[in-house]
Amino acid sequence: AYLVQLSRYVHLNPVRAKIVERPEHYRWSSYPGYIGETGEFTWV
């Protein structure tokens, strides 16, 4: 019921904190790996 929704909430944290305008611009998140912006980690 909630895992997908929660992942979005977590990945948007840097945007809510006004550190970046888009979540894929934040390096220290699993989000870039989810959308293919950077290499995926084998442990995620």
PDB file of all heavy atoms in Angstrom:
ATOM      1  N   ALA A   1       0.806  -1.222   0.000  1.00  0.00           N
ATOM      2  CA  ALA A   1       0.000   0.000   0.000  1.00  0.00           C
ATOM      3  C   ALA A   1       0.841   1.276   0.000  1.00  0.00           C
ATOM      4  O   ALA A   1       0.402   2.303  -0.523  1.00  0.00           O
ATOM      5  CB  ALA A   1      -0.944   0.008   1.204  1.00  0.00           C
ATOM      6  N   TYR A   2       2.047   1.245   0.583  1.00  0.00           N
ATOM      7  CA  TYR A   2       2.748   2.498   0.828  1.00  0.00           C
ATOM      8  C   TYR A   2       4.188   2.586   0.342  1.00  0.00           C
ATOM      9  O   TYR A   2       4.764   3.664   0.359  1.00  0.00           O
ATOM     10  CB  TYR A   2       2.745   2.795   2.336  1.00  0.00           C
ATOM     11  CG  TYR A   2       1.430   3.339   2.838  1.00  0.00           C
ATOM     12  CD1 TYR A   2       0.514   2.509   3.459  1.00  0.00           C
ATOM     13  CD2 TYR A   2       1.102   4.691   2.682  1.00  0.00           C
ATOM     14  CE1 TYR A   2      -0.693   2.998   3.930  1.00  0.00           C
ATOM     15  CE2 TYR A   2      -0.100   5.191   3.146  1.00  0.00           C
ATOM     16  CZ  TYR A   2      -0.999   4.338   3.767  1.00  0.00           C
ATOM     17  OH  TYR A   2      -2.193   4.827   4.224  1.00  0.00           O
ATOM     18  N   LEU A   3       4.799   1.483  -0.075  1.00  0.00           N
ATOM     19  CA  LEU A   3       6.229   1.547  -0.379  1.00  0.00           C
ATOM     20  C   LEU A   3       6.547   2.503  -1.524  1.00  0.00           C
ATOM     21  O   LEU A   3       7.484   3.301  -1.435  1.00  0.00           O
ATOM     22  CB  LEU A   3       6.771   0.146  -0.699  1.00  0.00           C
ATOM     23  CG  LEU A   3       8.269   0.077  -1.004  1.00  0.00           C
ATOM     24  CD1 LEU A   3       9.090   0.671   0.137  1.00  0.00           C
ATOM     25  CD2 LEU A   3       8.695  -1.362  -1.271  1.00  0.00           C
ATOM     26  N   VAL A   4       5.782   2.449  -2.607  1.00  0.00           N
ATOM     27  CA  VAL A   4       6.050   3.321  -3.747  1.00  0.00           C
ATOM     28  C   VAL A   4       5.854   4.782  -3.362  1.00  0.00           C
ATOM     29  O   VAL A   4       6.690   5.645  -3.665  1.00  0.00           O
ATOM     30  CB  VAL A   4       5.143   2.946  -4.937  1.00  0.00           C
ATOM     31  CG1 VAL A   4       5.320   3.937  -6.080  1.00  0.00           C
ATOM     32  CG2 VAL A   4       5.452   1.536  -5.416  1.00  0.00           C
ATOM     33  N   GLN A   5       4.772   5.064  -2.668  1.00  0.00           N
ATOM     34  CA  GLN A   5       4.484   6.429  -2.224  1.00  0.00           C
ATOM     35  C   GLN A   5       5.575   6.934  -1.292  1.00  0.00           C
ATOM     36  O   GLN A   5       6.014   8.093  -1.381  1.00  0.00           O
ATOM     37  CB  GLN A   5       3.131   6.445  -1.516  1.00  0.00           C
ATOM     38  CG  GLN A   5       2.638   7.823  -1.122  1.00  0.00           C
ATOM     39  CD  GLN A   5       1.294   7.755  -0.412  1.00  0.00           C
ATOM     40  OE1 GLN A   5       0.657   6.712  -0.355  1.00  0.00           O
ATOM     41  NE2 GLN A   5       0.867   8.871   0.144  1.00  0.00           N
ATOM     42  N   LEU A   6       6.034   6.075  -0.395  1.00  0.00           N
ATOM     43  CA  LEU A   6       7.077   6.466   0.545  1.00  0.00           C
ATOM     44  C   LEU A   6       8.390   6.749  -0.170  1.00  0.00           C
ATOM     45  O   LEU A   6       9.096   7.698   0.176  1.00  0.00           O
ATOM     46  CB  LEU A   6       7.277   5.361   1.582  1.00  0.00           C
ATOM     47  CG  LEU A   6       8.367   5.599   2.624  1.00  0.00           C
ATOM     48  CD1 LEU A   6       8.055   6.831   3.467  1.00  0.00           C
ATOM     49  CD2 LEU A   6       8.526   4.364   3.513  1.00  0.00           C
ATOM     50  N   SER A   7       8.711   5.949  -1.178  1.00  0.00           N
ATOM     51  CA  SER A   7       9.962   6.173  -1.913  1.00  0.00           C
ATOM     52  C   SER A   7       9.960   7.543  -2.584  1.00  0.00           C
ATOM     53  O   SER A   7      10.978   8.231  -2.620  1.00  0.00           O
ATOM     54  CB  SER A   7      10.182   5.063  -2.942  1.00  0.00           C
ATOM     55  OG  SER A   7       9.334   5.208  -4.062  1.00  0.00           O
ATOM     56  N   ARG A   8       8.819   7.950  -3.112  1.00  0.00           N
ATOM     57  CA  ARG A   8       8.725   9.276  -3.717  1.00  0.00           C
ATOM     58  C   ARG A   8       8.944  10.368  -2.675  1.00  0.00           C
ATOM     59  O   ARG A   8       9.675  11.336  -2.915  1.00  0.00           O
ATOM     60  CB  ARG A   8       7.357   9.458  -4.389  1.00  0.00           C
ATOM     61  CG  ARG A   8       7.142  10.864  -4.916  1.00  0.00           C
ATOM     62  CD  ARG A   8       5.904  10.981  -5.778  1.00  0.00           C
ATOM     63  NE  ARG A   8       4.670  10.771  -5.033  1.00  0.00           N
ATOM     64  CZ  ARG A   8       3.462  10.881  -5.588  1.00  0.00           C
ATOM     65  NH1 ARG A   8       3.337  11.174  -6.870  1.00  0.00           N
ATOM     66  NH2 ARG A   8       2.371  10.680  -4.859  1.00  0.00           N
ATOM     67  N   TYR A   9       8.333  10.201  -1.526  1.00  0.00           N
ATOM     68  CA  TYR A   9       8.493  11.165  -0.437  1.00  0.00           C
ATOM     69  C   TYR A   9       9.965  11.299  -0.040  1.00  0.00           C
ATOM     70  O   TYR A   9      10.484  12.409   0.125  1.00  0.00           O
ATOM     71  CB  TYR A   9       7.651  10.738   0.759  1.00  0.00           C
ATOM     72  CG  TYR A   9       7.864  11.571   1.992  1.00  0.00           C
ATOM     73  CD1 TYR A   9       7.298  12.835   2.114  1.00  0.00           C
ATOM     74  CD2 TYR A   9       8.635  11.090   3.054  1.00  0.00           C
ATOM     75  CE1 TYR A   9       7.500  13.607   3.244  1.00  0.00           C
ATOM     76  CE2 TYR A   9       8.839  11.856   4.191  1.00  0.00           C
ATOM     77  CZ  TYR A   9       8.269  13.112   4.284  1.00  0.00           C
ATOM     78  OH  TYR A   9       8.478  13.867   5.412  1.00  0.00           O
ATOM     79  N   VAL A  10      10.649  10.175   0.087  1.00  0.00           N
ATOM     80  CA  VAL A  10      12.069  10.187   0.462  1.00  0.00           C
ATOM     81  C   VAL A  10      12.908  10.851  -0.614  1.00  0.00           C
ATOM     82  O   VAL A  10      13.763  11.701  -0.332  1.00  0.00           O
ATOM     83  CB  VAL A  10      12.563   8.744   0.732  1.00  0.00           C
ATOM     84  CG1 VAL A  10      14.091   8.695   0.816  1.00  0.00           C
ATOM     85  CG2 VAL A  10      11.950   8.204   2.019  1.00  0.00           C
ATOM     86  N   HIS A  11      12.655  10.507  -1.866  1.00  0.00           N
ATOM     87  CA  HIS A  11      13.471  11.042  -2.954  1.00  0.00           C
ATOM     88  C   HIS A  11      13.264  12.533  -3.187  1.00  0.00           C
ATOM     89  O   HIS A  11      14.142  13.196  -3.758  1.00  0.00           O
ATOM     90  CB  HIS A  11      13.169  10.271  -4.247  1.00  0.00           C
ATOM     91  CG  HIS A  11      13.756   8.895  -4.257  1.00  0.00           C
ATOM     92  ND1 HIS A  11      13.140   7.821  -4.871  1.00  0.00           N
ATOM     93  CD2 HIS A  11      14.900   8.393  -3.703  1.00  0.00           C
ATOM     94  CE1 HIS A  11      13.896   6.739  -4.715  1.00  0.00           C
ATOM     95  NE2 HIS A  11      14.953   7.055  -4.008  1.00  0.00           N
ATOM     96  N   LEU A  12      12.131  13.068  -2.754  1.00  0.00           N
ATOM     97  CA  LEU A  12      11.877  14.501  -2.927  1.00  0.00           C
ATOM     98  C   LEU A  12      12.384  15.336  -1.750  1.00  0.00           C
ATOM     99  O   LEU A  12      12.243  16.557  -1.751  1.00  0.00           O
ATOM    100  CB  LEU A  12      10.381  14.746  -3.131  1.00  0.00           C
ATOM    101  CG  LEU A  12       9.821  14.323  -4.495  1.00  0.00           C
ATOM    102  CD1 LEU A  12       8.308  14.504  -4.535  1.00  0.00           C
ATOM    103  CD2 LEU A  12      10.477  15.103  -5.628  1.00  0.00           C
ATOM    104  N   ASN A  13      12.993  14.697  -0.781  1.00  0.00           N
ATOM    105  CA  ASN A  13      13.478  15.408   0.401  1.00  0.00           C
ATOM    106  C   ASN A  13      14.415  16.570   0.058  1.00  0.00           C
ATOM    107  O   ASN A  13      14.245  17.675   0.591  1.00  0.00           O
ATOM    108  CB  ASN A  13      14.161  14.410   1.351  1.00  0.00           C
ATOM    109  CG  ASN A  13      14.251  14.925   2.763  1.00  0.00           C
ATOM    110  OD1 ASN A  13      15.197  15.597   3.126  1.00  0.00           O
ATOM    111  ND2 ASN A  13      13.253  14.609   3.572  1.00  0.00           N
ATOM    112  N   PRO A  14      15.393  16.389  -0.820  1.00  0.00           N
ATOM    113  CA  PRO A  14      16.293  17.508  -1.153  1.00  0.00           C
ATOM    114  C   PRO A  14      15.586  18.660  -1.852  1.00  0.00           C
ATOM    115  O   PRO A  14      16.009  19.812  -1.739  1.00  0.00           O
ATOM    116  CB  PRO A  14      17.342  16.866  -2.069  1.00  0.00           C
ATOM    117  CG  PRO A  14      17.271  15.403  -1.775  1.00  0.00           C
ATOM    118  CD  PRO A  14      15.825  15.134  -1.467  1.00  0.00           C
ATOM    119  N   VAL A  15      14.490  18.355  -2.570  1.00  0.00           N
ATOM    120  CA  VAL A  15      13.710  19.409  -3.220  1.00  0.00           C
ATOM    121  C   VAL A  15      12.930  20.201  -2.171  1.00  0.00           C
ATOM    122  O   VAL A  15      12.900  21.433  -2.197  1.00  0.00           O
ATOM    123  CB  VAL A  15      12.756  18.813  -4.276  1.00  0.00           C
ATOM    124  CG1 VAL A  15      11.893  19.912  -4.900  1.00  0.00           C
ATOM    125  CG2 VAL A  15      13.544  18.081  -5.352  1.00  0.00           C
ATOM    126  N   ARG A  16      12.306  19.489  -1.225  1.00  0.00           N
ATOM    127  CA  ARG A  16      11.574  20.170  -0.154  1.00  0.00           C
ATOM    128  C   ARG A  16      12.507  21.042   0.689  1.00  0.00           C
ATOM    129  O   ARG A  16      12.112  22.095   1.174  1.00  0.00           O
ATOM    130  CB  ARG A  16      10.870  19.148   0.753  1.00  0.00           C
ATOM    131  CG  ARG A  16       9.703  18.441   0.103  1.00  0.00           C
ATOM    132  CD  ARG A  16       8.856  17.701   1.139  1.00  0.00           C
ATOM    133  NE  ARG A  16       9.652  16.730   1.884  1.00  0.00           N
ATOM    134  CZ  ARG A  16       9.864  15.478   1.487  1.00  0.00           C
ATOM    135  NH1 ARG A  16       9.360  15.043   0.344  1.00  0.00           N
ATOM    136  NH2 ARG A  16      10.595  14.649   2.215  1.00  0.00           N
ATOM    137  N   ALA A  17      13.751  20.602   0.827  1.00  0.00           N
ATOM    138  CA  ALA A  17      14.736  21.368   1.603  1.00  0.00           C
ATOM    139  C   ALA A  17      15.346  22.503   0.790  1.00  0.00           C
ATOM    140  O   ALA A  17      16.193  23.246   1.303  1.00  0.00           O
ATOM    141  CB  ALA A  17      15.839  20.435   2.098  1.00  0.00           C
ATOM    142  N   LYS A  18      14.915  22.632  -0.490  1.00  0.00           N
ATOM    143  CA  LYS A  18      15.370  23.697  -1.390  1.00  0.00           C
ATOM    144  C   LYS A  18      16.877  23.629  -1.659  1.00  0.00           C
ATOM    145  O   LYS A  18      17.545  24.651  -1.866  1.00  0.00           O
ATOM    146  CB  LYS A  18      14.977  25.075  -0.851  1.00  0.00           C
ATOM    147  CG  LYS A  18      13.476  25.235  -0.653  1.00  0.00           C
ATOM    148  CD  LYS A  18      13.093  26.655  -0.286  1.00  0.00           C
ATOM    149  CE  LYS A  18      11.612  26.782   0.036  1.00  0.00           C
ATOM    150  NZ  LYS A  18      10.736  26.284  -1.039  1.00  0.00           N
ATOM    151  N   ILE A  19      17.416  22.417  -1.662  1.00  0.00           N
ATOM    152  CA  ILE A  19      18.821  22.225  -2.007  1.00  0.00           C
ATOM    153  C   ILE A  19      18.982  22.117  -3.520  1.00  0.00           C
ATOM    154  O   ILE A  19      19.953  22.619  -4.093  1.00  0.00           O
ATOM    155  CB  ILE A  19      19.369  20.955  -1.320  1.00  0.00           C
ATOM    156  CG1 ILE A  19      19.313  21.127   0.205  1.00  0.00           C
ATOM    157  CG2 ILE A  19      20.803  20.661  -1.767  1.00  0.00           C
ATOM    158  CD1 ILE A  19      19.666  19.872   0.968  1.00  0.00           C
ATOM    159  N   VAL A  20      18.025  21.456  -4.155  1.00  0.00           N
ATOM    160  CA  VAL A  20      17.998  21.322  -5.615  1.00  0.00           C
ATOM    161  C   VAL A  20      16.572  21.567  -6.095  1.00  0.00           C
ATOM    162  O   VAL A  20      15.623  21.511  -5.317  1.00  0.00           O
ATOM    163  CB  VAL A  20      18.457  19.912  -6.067  1.00  0.00           C
ATOM    164  CG1 VAL A  20      19.928  19.689  -5.771  1.00  0.00           C
ATOM    165  CG2 VAL A  20      17.600  18.823  -5.409  1.00  0.00           C
ATOM    166  N   GLU A  21      16.447  21.845  -7.378  1.00  0.00           N
ATOM    167  CA  GLU A  21      15.121  22.045  -7.956  1.00  0.00           C
ATOM    168  C   GLU A  21      14.512  20.749  -8.446  1.00  0.00           C
ATOM    169  O   GLU A  21      13.282  20.624  -8.518  1.00  0.00           O
ATOM    170  CB  GLU A  21      15.193  23.058  -9.108  1.00  0.00           C
ATOM    171  CG  GLU A  21      15.523  24.483  -8.643  1.00  0.00           C
ATOM    172  CD  GLU A  21      15.448  25.483  -9.774  1.00  0.00           C
ATOM    173  OE1 GLU A  21      15.158  25.061 -10.925  1.00  0.00           O
ATOM    174  OE2 GLU A  21      15.673  26.674  -9.529  1.00  0.00           O
ATOM    175  N   ARG A  22      15.374  19.784  -8.778  1.00  0.00           N
ATOM    176  CA  ARG A  22      14.892  18.501  -9.281  1.00  0.00           C
ATOM    177  C   ARG A  22      15.603  17.372  -8.519  1.00  0.00           C
ATOM    178  O   ARG A  22      16.802  17.470  -8.244  1.00  0.00           O
ATOM    179  CB  ARG A  22      15.150  18.368 -10.781  1.00  0.00           C
ATOM    180  CG  ARG A  22      14.441  19.429 -11.614  1.00  0.00           C
ATOM    181  CD  ARG A  22      14.678  19.198 -13.092  1.00  0.00           C
ATOM    182  NE  ARG A  22      14.203  17.885 -13.503  1.00  0.00           N
ATOM    183  CZ  ARG A  22      12.935  17.609 -13.821  1.00  0.00           C
ATOM    184  NH1 ARG A  22      12.020  18.559 -13.753  1.00  0.00           N
ATOM    185  NH2 ARG A  22      12.582  16.404 -14.195  1.00  0.00           N
ATOM    186  N   PRO A  23      14.899  16.292  -8.213  1.00  0.00           N
ATOM    187  CA  PRO A  23      15.497  15.243  -7.375  1.00  0.00           C
ATOM    188  C   PRO A  23      16.695  14.550  -8.010  1.00  0.00           C
ATOM    189  O   PRO A  23      17.593  14.101  -7.297  1.00  0.00           O
ATOM    190  CB  PRO A  23      14.338  14.272  -7.140  1.00  0.00           C
ATOM    191  CG  PRO A  23      13.378  14.511  -8.259  1.00  0.00           C
ATOM    192  CD  PRO A  23      13.504  15.971  -8.560  1.00  0.00           C
ATOM    193  N   GLU A  24      16.728  14.457  -9.343  1.00  0.00           N
ATOM    194  CA  GLU A  24      17.856  13.778  -9.986  1.00  0.00           C
ATOM    195  C   GLU A  24      19.147  14.582  -9.917  1.00  0.00           C
ATOM    196  O   GLU A  24      20.237  14.067 -10.188  1.00  0.00           O
ATOM    197  CB  GLU A  24      17.531  13.435 -11.448  1.00  0.00           C
ATOM    198  CG  GLU A  24      17.351  14.625 -12.363  1.00  0.00           C
ATOM    199  CD  GLU A  24      15.898  15.063 -12.474  1.00  0.00           C
ATOM    200  OE1 GLU A  24      15.128  14.835 -11.511  1.00  0.00           O
ATOM    201  OE2 GLU A  24      15.534  15.628 -13.518  1.00  0.00           O
ATOM    202  N   HIS A  25      19.037  15.853  -9.518  1.00  0.00           N
ATOM    203  CA  HIS A  25      20.233  16.686  -9.390  1.00  0.00           C
ATOM    204  C   HIS A  25      20.941  16.489  -8.052  1.00  0.00           C
ATOM    205  O   HIS A  25      22.019  17.048  -7.843  1.00  0.00           O
ATOM    206  CB  HIS A  25      19.869  18.163  -9.552  1.00  0.00           C
ATOM    207  CG  HIS A  25      19.376  18.501 -10.921  1.00  0.00           C
ATOM    208  ND1 HIS A  25      18.662  19.654 -11.195  1.00  0.00           N
ATOM    209  CD2 HIS A  25      19.482  17.833 -12.103  1.00  0.00           C
ATOM    210  CE1 HIS A  25      18.351  19.680 -12.474  1.00  0.00           C
ATOM    211  NE2 HIS A  25      18.833  18.591 -13.052  1.00  0.00           N
ATOM    212  N   TYR A  26      20.329  15.698  -7.171  1.00  0.00           N
ATOM    213  CA  TYR A  26      20.943  15.460  -5.861  1.00  0.00           C
ATOM    214  C   TYR A  26      21.687  14.135  -5.899  1.00  0.00           C
ATOM    215  O   TYR A  26      21.093  13.073  -6.122  1.00  0.00           O
ATOM    216  CB  TYR A  26      19.877  15.441  -4.758  1.00  0.00           C
ATOM    217  CG  TYR A  26      20.472  15.492  -3.369  1.00  0.00           C
ATOM    218  CD1 TYR A  26      21.092  16.639  -2.909  1.00  0.00           C
ATOM    219  CD2 TYR A  26      20.419  14.378  -2.533  1.00  0.00           C
ATOM    220  CE1 TYR A  26      21.651  16.700  -1.644  1.00  0.00           C
ATOM    221  CE2 TYR A  26      20.971  14.424  -1.259  1.00  0.00           C
ATOM    222  CZ  TYR A  26      21.591  15.590  -0.821  1.00  0.00           C
ATOM    223  OH  TYR A  26      22.149  15.639   0.429  1.00  0.00           O
ATOM    224  N   ARG A  27      22.968  14.207  -5.667  1.00  0.00           N
ATOM    225  CA  ARG A  27      23.836  13.040  -5.823  1.00  0.00           C
ATOM    226  C   ARG A  27      23.619  11.978  -4.742  1.00  0.00           C
ATOM    227  O   ARG A  27      23.770  10.781  -4.991  1.00  0.00           O
ATOM    228  CB  ARG A  27      25.295  13.514  -5.811  1.00  0.00           C
ATOM    229  CG  ARG A  27      26.325  12.394  -5.851  1.00  0.00           C
ATOM    230  CD  ARG A  27      27.726  12.981  -5.751  1.00  0.00           C
ATOM    231  NE  ARG A  27      28.746  11.923  -5.682  1.00  0.00           N
ATOM    232  CZ  ARG A  27      30.020  12.135  -5.434  1.00  0.00           C
ATOM    233  NH1 ARG A  27      30.449  13.385  -5.258  1.00  0.00           N
ATOM    234  NH2 ARG A  27      30.884  11.128  -5.372  1.00  0.00           N
ATOM    235  N   TRP A  28      23.265  12.418  -3.536  1.00  0.00           N
ATOM    236  CA  TRP A  28      23.282  11.515  -2.382  1.00  0.00           C
ATOM    237  C   TRP A  28      21.903  10.901  -2.115  1.00  0.00           C
ATOM    238  O   TRP A  28      21.377  10.960  -1.023  1.00  0.00           O
ATOM    239  CB  TRP A  28      23.817  12.256  -1.160  1.00  0.00           C
ATOM    240  CG  TRP A  28      25.146  12.863  -1.453  1.00  0.00           C
ATOM    241  CD1 TRP A  28      25.421  14.185  -1.650  1.00  0.00           C
ATOM    242  CD2 TRP A  28      26.372  12.162  -1.643  1.00  0.00           C
ATOM    243  NE1 TRP A  28      26.740  14.353  -1.949  1.00  0.00           N
ATOM    244  CE2 TRP A  28      27.358  13.123  -1.953  1.00  0.00           C
ATOM    245  CE3 TRP A  28      26.738  10.808  -1.592  1.00  0.00           C
ATOM    246  CZ2 TRP A  28      28.688  12.773  -2.191  1.00  0.00           C
ATOM    247  CZ3 TRP A  28      28.053  10.469  -1.836  1.00  0.00           C
ATOM    248  CH2 TRP A  28      29.014  11.443  -2.127  1.00  0.00           C
ATOM    249  N   SER A  29      21.363  10.333  -3.165  1.00  0.00           N
ATOM    250  CA  SER A  29      20.035   9.738  -3.120  1.00  0.00           C
ATOM    251  C   SER A  29      20.017   8.539  -4.050  1.00  0.00           C
ATOM    252  O   SER A  29      20.790   8.475  -5.020  1.00  0.00           O
ATOM    253  CB  SER A  29      19.000  10.780  -3.552  1.00  0.00           C
ATOM    254  OG  SER A  29      17.818  10.188  -4.028  1.00  0.00           O
ATOM    255  N   SER A  30      19.128   7.605  -3.789  1.00  0.00           N
ATOM    256  CA  SER A  30      18.986   6.455  -4.683  1.00  0.00           C
ATOM    257  C   SER A  30      18.199   6.803  -5.945  1.00  0.00           C
ATOM    258  O   SER A  30      18.139   5.998  -6.877  1.00  0.00           O
ATOM    259  CB  SER A  30      18.296   5.291  -3.952  1.00  0.00           C
ATOM    260  OG  SER A  30      17.122   5.713  -3.296  1.00  0.00           O
ATOM    261  N   TYR A  31      17.620   7.999  -6.002  1.00  0.00           N
ATOM    262  CA  TYR A  31      16.754   8.349  -7.127  1.00  0.00           C
ATOM    263  C   TYR A  31      17.459   8.348  -8.486  1.00  0.00           C
ATOM    264  O   TYR A  31      16.896   7.795  -9.457  1.00  0.00           O
ATOM    265  CB  TYR A  31      16.105   9.714  -6.875  1.00  0.00           C
ATOM    266  CG  TYR A  31      15.129  10.123  -7.949  1.00  0.00           C
ATOM    267  CD1 TYR A  31      13.915   9.456  -8.101  1.00  0.00           C
ATOM    268  CD2 TYR A  31      15.415  11.163  -8.818  1.00  0.00           C
ATOM    269  CE1 TYR A  31      13.016   9.821  -9.093  1.00  0.00           C
ATOM    270  CE2 TYR A  31      14.521  11.536  -9.812  1.00  0.00           C
ATOM    271  CZ  TYR A  31      13.323  10.865  -9.946  1.00  0.00           C
ATOM    272  OH  TYR A  31      12.433  11.222 -10.920  1.00  0.00           O
ATOM    273  N   PRO A  32      18.657   8.933  -8.636  1.00  0.00           N
ATOM    274  CA  PRO A  32      19.299   8.896  -9.953  1.00  0.00           C
ATOM    275  C   PRO A  32      19.460   7.481 -10.498  1.00  0.00           C
ATOM    276  O   PRO A  32      19.318   7.246 -11.703  1.00  0.00           O
ATOM    277  CB  PRO A  32      20.657   9.566  -9.698  1.00  0.00           C
ATOM    278  CG  PRO A  32      20.400  10.506  -8.566  1.00  0.00           C
ATOM    279  CD  PRO A  32      19.439   9.753  -7.674  1.00  0.00           C
ATOM    280  N   GLY A  33      19.730   6.517  -9.625  1.00  0.00           N
ATOM    281  CA  GLY A  33      19.832   5.131 -10.064  1.00  0.00           C
ATOM    282  C   GLY A  33      18.504   4.561 -10.530  1.00  0.00           C
ATOM    283  O   GLY A  33      18.461   3.716 -11.428  1.00  0.00           O
ATOM    284  N   TYR A  34      17.420   5.043  -9.923  1.00  0.00           N
ATOM    285  CA  TYR A  34      16.083   4.571 -10.308  1.00  0.00           C
ATOM    286  C   TYR A  34      15.709   4.985 -11.721  1.00  0.00           C
ATOM    287  O   TYR A  34      15.037   4.242 -12.439  1.00  0.00           O
ATOM    288  CB  TYR A  34      15.038   5.105  -9.334  1.00  0.00           C
ATOM    289  CG  TYR A  34      14.681   4.147  -8.231  1.00  0.00           C
ATOM    290  CD1 TYR A  34      15.259   4.261  -6.966  1.00  0.00           C
ATOM    291  CD2 TYR A  34      13.773   3.113  -8.428  1.00  0.00           C
ATOM    292  CE1 TYR A  34      14.943   3.380  -5.941  1.00  0.00           C
ATOM    293  CE2 TYR A  34      13.442   2.225  -7.424  1.00  0.00           C
ATOM    294  CZ  TYR A  34      14.031   2.369  -6.181  1.00  0.00           C
ATOM    295  OH  TYR A  34      13.720   1.481  -5.182  1.00  0.00           O
ATOM    296  N   ILE A  35      16.125   6.162 -12.118  1.00  0.00           N
ATOM    297  CA  ILE A  35      15.694   6.667 -13.424  1.00  0.00           C
ATOM    298  C   ILE A  35      16.799   6.582 -14.474  1.00  0.00           C
ATOM    299  O   ILE A  35      16.630   7.041 -15.596  1.00  0.00           O
ATOM    300  CB  ILE A  35      15.171   8.112 -13.316  1.00  0.00           C
ATOM    301  CG1 ILE A  35      16.283   9.075 -12.900  1.00  0.00           C
ATOM    302  CG2 ILE A  35      14.005   8.179 -12.335  1.00  0.00           C
ATOM    303  CD1 ILE A  35      15.890  10.532 -12.995  1.00  0.00           C
ATOM    304  N   GLY A  36      17.953   6.012 -14.093  1.00  0.00           N
ATOM    305  CA  GLY A  36      19.015   5.787 -15.061  1.00  0.00           C
ATOM    306  C   GLY A  36      19.916   6.971 -15.306  1.00  0.00           C
ATOM    307  O   GLY A  36      20.647   6.999 -16.302  1.00  0.00           O
ATOM    308  N   GLU A  37      19.889   7.962 -14.398  1.00  0.00           N
ATOM    309  CA  GLU A  37      20.743   9.137 -14.565  1.00  0.00           C
ATOM    310  C   GLU A  37      22.213   8.789 -14.299  1.00  0.00           C
ATOM    311  O   GLU A  37      23.114   9.359 -14.885  1.00  0.00           O
ATOM    312  CB  GLU A  37      20.297  10.252 -13.614  1.00  0.00           C
ATOM    313  CG  GLU A  37      19.030  10.965 -14.040  1.00  0.00           C
ATOM    314  CD  GLU A  37      19.237  11.820 -15.281  1.00  0.00           C
ATOM    315  OE1 GLU A  37      20.239  12.541 -15.355  1.00  0.00           O
ATOM    316  OE2 GLU A  37      18.388  11.738 -16.191  1.00  0.00           O
ATOM    317  N   THR A  38      22.460   7.879 -13.384  1.00  0.00           N
ATOM    318  CA  THR A  38      23.812   7.448 -13.058  1.00  0.00           C
ATOM    319  C   THR A  38      23.808   5.933 -12.956  1.00  0.00           C
ATOM    320  O   THR A  38      22.763   5.284 -13.008  1.00  0.00           O
ATOM    321  CB  THR A  38      24.282   8.041 -11.720  1.00  0.00           C
ATOM    322  OG1 THR A  38      23.385   7.615 -10.685  1.00  0.00           O
ATOM    323  CG2 THR A  38      24.300   9.561 -11.765  1.00  0.00           C
ATOM    324  N   GLY A  39      24.994   5.364 -12.793  1.00  0.00           N
ATOM    325  CA  GLY A  39      25.094   3.926 -12.643  1.00  0.00           C
ATOM    326  C   GLY A  39      24.362   3.448 -11.401  1.00  0.00           C
ATOM    327  O   GLY A  39      24.412   4.088 -10.349  1.00  0.00           O
ATOM    328  N   GLU A  40      23.706   2.339 -11.519  1.00  0.00           N
ATOM    329  CA  GLU A  40      22.978   1.787 -10.383  1.00  0.00           C
ATOM    330  C   GLU A  40      23.949   1.104  -9.423  1.00  0.00           C
ATOM    331  O   GLU A  40      24.964   0.563  -9.830  1.00  0.00           O
ATOM    332  CB  GLU A  40      21.948   0.765 -10.871  1.00  0.00           C
ATOM    333  CG  GLU A  40      20.876   1.352 -11.762  1.00  0.00           C
ATOM    334  CD  GLU A  40      19.894   0.294 -12.235  1.00  0.00           C
ATOM    335  OE1 GLU A  40      20.003  -0.856 -11.782  1.00  0.00           O
ATOM    336  OE2 GLU A  40      19.025   0.629 -13.054  1.00  0.00           O
ATOM    337  N   PHE A  41      23.623   1.140  -8.139  1.00  0.00           N
ATOM    338  CA  PHE A  41      24.372   0.387  -7.142  1.00  0.00           C
ATOM    339  C   PHE A  41      23.799  -1.030  -7.072  1.00  0.00           C
ATOM    340  O   PHE A  41      22.581  -1.208  -7.030  1.00  0.00           O
ATOM    341  CB  PHE A  41      24.269   1.047  -5.763  1.00  0.00           C
ATOM    342  CG  PHE A  41      25.044   2.326  -5.634  1.00  0.00           C
ATOM    343  CD1 PHE A  41      24.420   3.484  -5.167  1.00  0.00           C
ATOM    344  CD2 PHE A  41      26.386   2.372  -5.958  1.00  0.00           C
ATOM    345  CE1 PHE A  41      25.137   4.660  -5.035  1.00  0.00           C
ATOM    346  CE2 PHE A  41      27.109   3.550  -5.833  1.00  0.00           C
ATOM    347  CZ  PHE A  41      26.491   4.702  -5.364  1.00  0.00           C
ATOM    348  N   THR A  42      24.679  -2.015  -7.005  1.00  0.00           N
ATOM    349  CA  THR A  42      24.208  -3.397  -6.954  1.00  0.00           C
ATOM    350  C   THR A  42      23.479  -3.702  -5.656  1.00  0.00           C
ATOM    351  O   THR A  42      22.687  -4.644  -5.584  1.00  0.00           O
ATOM    352  CB  THR A  42      25.388  -4.370  -7.096  1.00  0.00           C
ATOM    353  OG1 THR A  42      26.357  -4.100  -6.062  1.00  0.00           O
ATOM    354  CG2 THR A  42      26.059  -4.216  -8.458  1.00  0.00           C
ATOM    355  N   TRP A  43      23.721  -2.900  -4.616  1.00  0.00           N
ATOM    356  CA  TRP A  43      23.134  -3.183  -3.306  1.00  0.00           C
ATOM    357  C   TRP A  43      21.813  -2.440  -3.067  1.00  0.00           C
ATOM    358  O   TRP A  43      21.224  -2.566  -1.993  1.00  0.00           O
ATOM    359  CB  TRP A  43      24.135  -2.858  -2.194  1.00  0.00           C
ATOM    360  CG  TRP A  43      24.774  -1.509  -2.300  1.00  0.00           C
ATOM    361  CD1 TRP A  43      25.929  -1.188  -2.963  1.00  0.00           C
ATOM    362  CD2 TRP A  43      24.307  -0.285  -1.731  1.00  0.00           C
ATOM    363  NE1 TRP A  43      26.196   0.151  -2.848  1.00  0.00           N
ATOM    364  CE2 TRP A  43      25.217   0.727  -2.086  1.00  0.00           C
ATOM    365  CE3 TRP A  43      23.193   0.036  -0.941  1.00  0.00           C
ATOM    366  CZ2 TRP A  43      25.056   2.055  -1.690  1.00  0.00           C
ATOM    367  CZ3 TRP A  43      23.032   1.359  -0.552  1.00  0.00           C
ATOM    368  CH2 TRP A  43      23.954   2.343  -0.924  1.00  0.00           C
ATOM    369  N   VAL A  44      21.353  -1.680  -4.027  1.00  0.00           N
ATOM    370  CA  VAL A  44      20.040  -1.023  -3.903  1.00  0.00           C
ATOM    371  C   VAL A  44      19.006  -1.876  -4.626  1.00  0.00           C
ATOM    372  O   VAL A  44      19.215  -2.320  -5.754  1.00  0.00           O
ATOM    373  CB  VAL A  44      20.056   0.402  -4.485  1.00  0.00           C
ATOM    374  CG1 VAL A  44      18.662   1.016  -4.442  1.00  0.00           C
ATOM    375  CG2 VAL A  44      21.029   1.286  -3.705  1.00  0.00           C
TER     376      VAL A  44
END
